[in-house]
PDB file of N, CA and C in Angstrom:
ATOM      1  N   MET A   1      22.407 -15.045  24.413  1.00  0.00           N
ATOM      2  CA  MET A   1      21.359 -14.160  23.923  1.00  0.00           C
ATOM      3  C   MET A   1      22.021 -12.999  23.158  1.00  0.00           C
ATOM      4  N   SER A   2      21.375 -12.554  22.124  1.00  0.00           N
ATOM      5  CA  SER A   2      21.933 -11.470  21.315  1.00  0.00           C
ATOM      6  C   SER A   2      21.709 -10.115  21.977  1.00  0.00           C
ATOM      7  N   HIS A   3      22.422  -9.131  21.484  1.00  0.00           N
ATOM      8  CA  HIS A   3      22.271  -7.767  22.005  1.00  0.00           C
ATOM      9  C   HIS A   3      20.858  -7.254  21.754  1.00  0.00           C
ATOM     10  N   LEU A   4      20.292  -7.600  20.604  1.00  0.00           N
ATOM     11  CA  LEU A   4      18.925  -7.178  20.309  1.00  0.00           C
ATOM     12  C   LEU A   4      17.946  -7.788  21.299  1.00  0.00           C
ATOM     13  N   ASN A   5      18.097  -9.058  21.578  1.00  0.00           N
ATOM     14  CA  ASN A   5      17.217  -9.702  22.565  1.00  0.00           C
ATOM     15  C   ASN A   5      17.363  -9.052  23.935  1.00  0.00           C
ATOM     16  N   ASP A   6      18.585  -8.723  24.312  1.00  0.00           N
ATOM     17  CA  ASP A   6      18.817  -8.051  25.594  1.00  0.00           C
ATOM     18  C   ASP A   6      18.124  -6.695  25.635  1.00  0.00           C
ATOM     19  N   LEU A   7      18.225  -5.955  24.546  1.00  0.00           N
ATOM     20  CA  LEU A   7      17.610  -4.634  24.480  1.00  0.00           C
ATOM     21  C   LEU A   7      16.094  -4.725  24.567  1.00  0.00           C
ATOM     22  N   VAL A   8      15.507  -5.641  23.807  1.00  0.00           N
ATOM     23  CA  VAL A   8      14.048  -5.807  23.828  1.00  0.00           C
ATOM     24  C   VAL A   8      13.591  -6.283  25.210  1.00  0.00           C
ATOM     25  N   ALA A   9      14.340  -7.159  25.836  1.00  0.00           N
ATOM     26  CA  ALA A   9      14.008  -7.608  27.191  1.00  0.00           C
ATOM     27  C   ALA A   9      14.036  -6.436  28.171  1.00  0.00           C
ATOM     28  N   THR A  10      15.002  -5.537  28.006  1.00  0.00           N
ATOM     29  CA  THR A  10      15.073  -4.347  28.856  1.00  0.00           C
ATOM     30  C   THR A  10      13.843  -3.476  28.648  1.00  0.00           C
ATOM     31  N   TYR A  11      13.431  -3.300  27.385  1.00  0.00           N
ATOM     32  CA  TYR A  11      12.217  -2.532  27.095  1.00  0.00           C
ATOM     33  C   TYR A  11      11.014  -3.134  27.805  1.00  0.00           C
ATOM     34  N   ARG A  12      10.907  -4.441  27.759  1.00  0.00           N
ATOM     35  CA  ARG A  12       9.763  -5.118  28.400  1.00  0.00           C
ATOM     36  C   ARG A  12       9.736  -4.886  29.905  1.00  0.00           C
ATOM     37  N   VAL A  13      10.904  -4.928  30.520  1.00  0.00           N
ATOM     38  CA  VAL A  13      10.986  -4.762  31.977  1.00  0.00           C
ATOM     39  C   VAL A  13      10.724  -3.308  32.384  1.00  0.00           C
ATOM     40  N   LYS A  14      11.299  -2.366  31.653  1.00  0.00           N
ATOM     41  CA  LYS A  14      11.230  -0.954  32.032  1.00  0.00           C
ATOM     42  C   LYS A  14       9.895  -0.290  31.678  1.00  0.00           C
ATOM     43  N   SER A  15       9.182  -0.831  30.710  1.00  0.00           N
ATOM     44  CA  SER A  15       7.942  -0.203  30.242  1.00  0.00           C
ATOM     45  C   SER A  15       6.826  -0.374  31.261  1.00  0.00           C
ATOM     46  N   LYS A  16       6.097   0.703  31.463  1.00  0.00           N
ATOM     47  CA  LYS A  16       4.959   0.665  32.383  1.00  0.00           C
ATOM     48  C   LYS A  16       3.667   0.280  31.668  1.00  0.00           C
ATOM     49  N   THR A  17       3.606   0.512  30.364  1.00  0.00           N
ATOM     50  CA  THR A  17       2.402   0.204  29.590  1.00  0.00           C
ATOM     51  C   THR A  17       2.792  -0.473  28.273  1.00  0.00           C
ATOM     52  N   GLU A  18       1.812  -1.079  27.641  1.00  0.00           N
ATOM     53  CA  GLU A  18       2.034  -1.677  26.329  1.00  0.00           C
ATOM     54  C   GLU A  18       2.399  -0.598  25.301  1.00  0.00           C
ATOM     55  N   ARG A  19       1.775   0.564  25.421  1.00  0.00           N
ATOM     56  CA  ARG A  19       2.079   1.669  24.498  1.00  0.00           C
ATOM     57  C   ARG A  19       3.537   2.090  24.620  1.00  0.00           C
ATOM     58  N   GLU A  20       4.036   2.133  25.843  1.00  0.00           N
ATOM     59  CA  GLU A  20       5.431   2.512  26.054  1.00  0.00           C
ATOM     60  C   GLU A  20       6.367   1.486  25.407  1.00  0.00           C
ATOM     61  N   LYS A  21       6.031   0.203  25.512  1.00  0.00           N
ATOM     62  CA  LYS A  21       6.815  -0.833  24.829  1.00  0.00           C
ATOM     63  C   LYS A  21       6.840  -0.570  23.329  1.00  0.00           C
ATOM     64  N   GLY A  22       5.681  -0.252  22.781  1.00  0.00           N
ATOM     65  CA  GLY A  22       5.587   0.027  21.353  1.00  0.00           C
ATOM     66  C   GLY A  22       6.408   1.233  20.952  1.00  0.00           C
ATOM     67  N   THR A  23       6.380   2.264  21.773  1.00  0.00           N
ATOM     68  CA  THR A  23       7.147   3.478  21.480  1.00  0.00           C
ATOM     69  C   THR A  23       8.646   3.190  21.482  1.00  0.00           C
ATOM     70  N   TYR A  24       9.107   2.441  22.473  1.00  0.00           N
ATOM     71  CA  TYR A  24      10.524   2.062  22.506  1.00  0.00           C
ATOM     72  C   TYR A  24      10.899   1.293  21.246  1.00  0.00           C
ATOM     73  N   PHE A  25      10.049   0.356  20.851  1.00  0.00           N
ATOM     74  CA  PHE A  25      10.332  -0.442  19.661  1.00  0.00           C
ATOM     75  C   PHE A  25      10.337   0.421  18.404  1.00  0.00           C
ATOM     76  N   GLU A  26       9.369   1.323  18.284  1.00  0.00           N
ATOM     77  CA  GLU A  26       9.327   2.222  17.125  1.00  0.00           C
ATOM     78  C   GLU A  26      10.604   3.054  17.030  1.00  0.00           C
ATOM     79  N   GLU A  27      11.054   3.580  18.152  1.00  0.00           N
ATOM     80  CA  GLU A  27      12.264   4.400  18.153  1.00  0.00           C
ATOM     81  C   GLU A  27      13.490   3.572  17.785  1.00  0.00           C
ATOM     82  N   LEU A  28      13.532   2.325  18.229  1.00  0.00           N
ATOM     83  CA  LEU A  28      14.620   1.426  17.861  1.00  0.00           C
ATOM     84  C   LEU A  28      14.647   1.202  16.351  1.00  0.00           C
ATOM     85  N   ILE A  29      13.497   0.901  15.775  1.00  0.00           N
ATOM     86  CA  ILE A  29      13.414   0.633  14.343  1.00  0.00           C
ATOM     87  C   ILE A  29      13.729   1.894  13.540  1.00  0.00           C
ATOM     88  N   ARG A  30      13.251   3.048  13.994  1.00  0.00           N
ATOM     89  CA  ARG A  30      13.556   4.301  13.298  1.00  0.00           C
ATOM     90  C   ARG A  30      15.066   4.541  13.274  1.00  0.00           C
ATOM     91  N   THR A  31      15.720   4.341  14.407  1.00  0.00           N
ATOM     92  CA  THR A  31      17.168   4.500  14.476  1.00  0.00           C
ATOM     93  C   THR A  31      17.872   3.519  13.554  1.00  0.00           C
ATOM     94  N   TYR A  32      17.391   2.283  13.513  1.00  0.00           N
ATOM     95  CA  TYR A  32      17.971   1.272  12.622  1.00  0.00           C
ATOM     96  C   TYR A  32      17.860   1.705  11.165  1.00  0.00           C
ATOM     97  N   PHE A  33      16.682   2.130  10.749  1.00  0.00           N
ATOM     98  CA  PHE A  33      16.492   2.547   9.360  1.00  0.00           C
ATOM     99  C   PHE A  33      17.333   3.772   9.002  1.00  0.00           C
ATOM    100  N   ARG A  34      17.529   4.651   9.940  1.00  0.00           N
ATOM    101  CA  ARG A  34      18.315   5.857   9.666  1.00  0.00           C
ATOM    102  C   ARG A  34      19.811   5.577   9.541  1.00  0.00           C
ATOM    103  N   HIS A  35      20.315   4.550  10.240  1.00  0.00           N
ATOM    104  CA  HIS A  35      21.754   4.339  10.318  1.00  0.00           C
ATOM    105  C   HIS A  35      22.260   3.078   9.625  1.00  0.00           C
ATOM    106  N   GLU A  36      21.406   2.117   9.354  1.00  0.00           N
ATOM    107  CA  GLU A  36      21.825   0.905   8.651  1.00  0.00           C
ATOM    108  C   GLU A  36      22.073   1.255   7.189  1.00  0.00           C
ATOM    109  N   PRO A  37      23.285   1.025   6.690  1.00  0.00           N
ATOM    110  CA  PRO A  37      23.611   1.426   5.315  1.00  0.00           C
ATOM    111  C   PRO A  37      22.659   0.879   4.247  1.00  0.00           C
ATOM    112  N   ARG A  38      22.129  -0.316   4.453  1.00  0.00           N
ATOM    113  CA  ARG A  38      21.206  -0.886   3.457  1.00  0.00           C
ATOM    114  C   ARG A  38      19.906  -0.100   3.353  1.00  0.00           C
ATOM    115  N   PHE A  39      19.511   0.591   4.408  1.00  0.00           N
ATOM    116  CA  PHE A  39      18.228   1.287   4.422  1.00  0.00           C
ATOM    117  C   PHE A  39      18.334   2.807   4.455  1.00  0.00           C
ATOM    118  N   ALA A  40      19.442   3.330   4.927  1.00  0.00           N
ATOM    119  CA  ALA A  40      19.584   4.782   5.117  1.00  0.00           C
ATOM    120  C   ALA A  40      19.326   5.560   3.829  1.00  0.00           C
ATOM    121  N   ASP A  41      19.744   5.025   2.699  1.00  0.00           N
ATOM    122  CA  ASP A  41      19.548   5.725   1.426  1.00  0.00           C
ATOM    123  C   ASP A  41      18.142   5.542   0.863  1.00  0.00           C
ATOM    124  N   LEU A  42      17.400   4.567   1.376  1.00  0.00           N
ATOM    125  CA  LEU A  42      16.058   4.287   0.854  1.00  0.00           C
ATOM    126  C   LEU A  42      14.982   5.181   1.463  1.00  0.00           C
ATOM    127  N   TYR A  43      15.213   5.649   2.675  1.00  0.00           N
ATOM    128  CA  TYR A  43      14.185   6.396   3.397  1.00  0.00           C
ATOM    129  C   TYR A  43      14.711   7.775   3.776  1.00  0.00           C
ATOM    130  N   SER A  44      14.038   8.812   3.321  1.00  0.00           N
ATOM    131  CA  SER A  44      14.457  10.159   3.695  1.00  0.00           C
ATOM    132  C   SER A  44      13.938  10.526   5.083  1.00  0.00           C
ATOM    133  N   ASP A  45      12.765  10.010   5.434  1.00  0.00           N
ATOM    134  CA  ASP A  45      12.171  10.235   6.757  1.00  0.00           C
ATOM    135  C   ASP A  45      11.594   8.926   7.269  1.00  0.00           C
ATOM    136  N   VAL A  46      11.712   8.727   8.559  1.00  0.00           N
ATOM    137  CA  VAL A  46      11.057   7.589   9.210  1.00  0.00           C
ATOM    138  C   VAL A  46      10.259   8.179  10.357  1.00  0.00           C
ATOM    139  N   TRP A  47       8.949   8.051  10.255  1.00  0.00           N
ATOM    140  CA  TRP A  47       8.066   8.634  11.253  1.00  0.00           C
ATOM    141  C   TRP A  47       7.578   7.602  12.235  1.00  0.00           C
ATOM    142  N   LEU A  48       7.359   8.064  13.451  1.00  0.00           N
ATOM    143  CA  LEU A  48       6.723   7.226  14.463  1.00  0.00           C
ATOM    144  C   LEU A  48       5.205   7.265  14.253  1.00  0.00           C
ATOM    145  N   TYR A  49       4.515   6.293  14.789  1.00  0.00           N
ATOM    146  CA  TYR A  49       3.067   6.212  14.630  1.00  0.00           C
ATOM    147  C   TYR A  49       2.385   7.508  15.078  1.00  0.00           C
ATOM    148  N   GLY A  50       2.814   8.061  16.197  1.00  0.00           N
ATOM    149  CA  GLY A  50       2.213   9.272  16.737  1.00  0.00           C
ATOM    150  C   GLY A  50       2.489  10.527  15.922  1.00  0.00           C
ATOM    151  N   ASP A  51       3.488  10.469  15.064  1.00  0.00           N
ATOM    152  CA  ASP A  51       3.833  11.623  14.238  1.00  0.00           C
ATOM    153  C   ASP A  51       2.882  11.727  13.074  1.00  0.00           C
TER     154      ASP A  51
END
């Protein structure tokens, strides 16, 4: 299993609600967009749904 699959599986186990799962996923994707070289220069801000 990949590291991403392990991380998402951890989110599923630790989350108490579906919303919490979504929040964990949003934060993961925001971090990816901010630090992945292919995307970091394309986006000046990455907002979460609640923002």
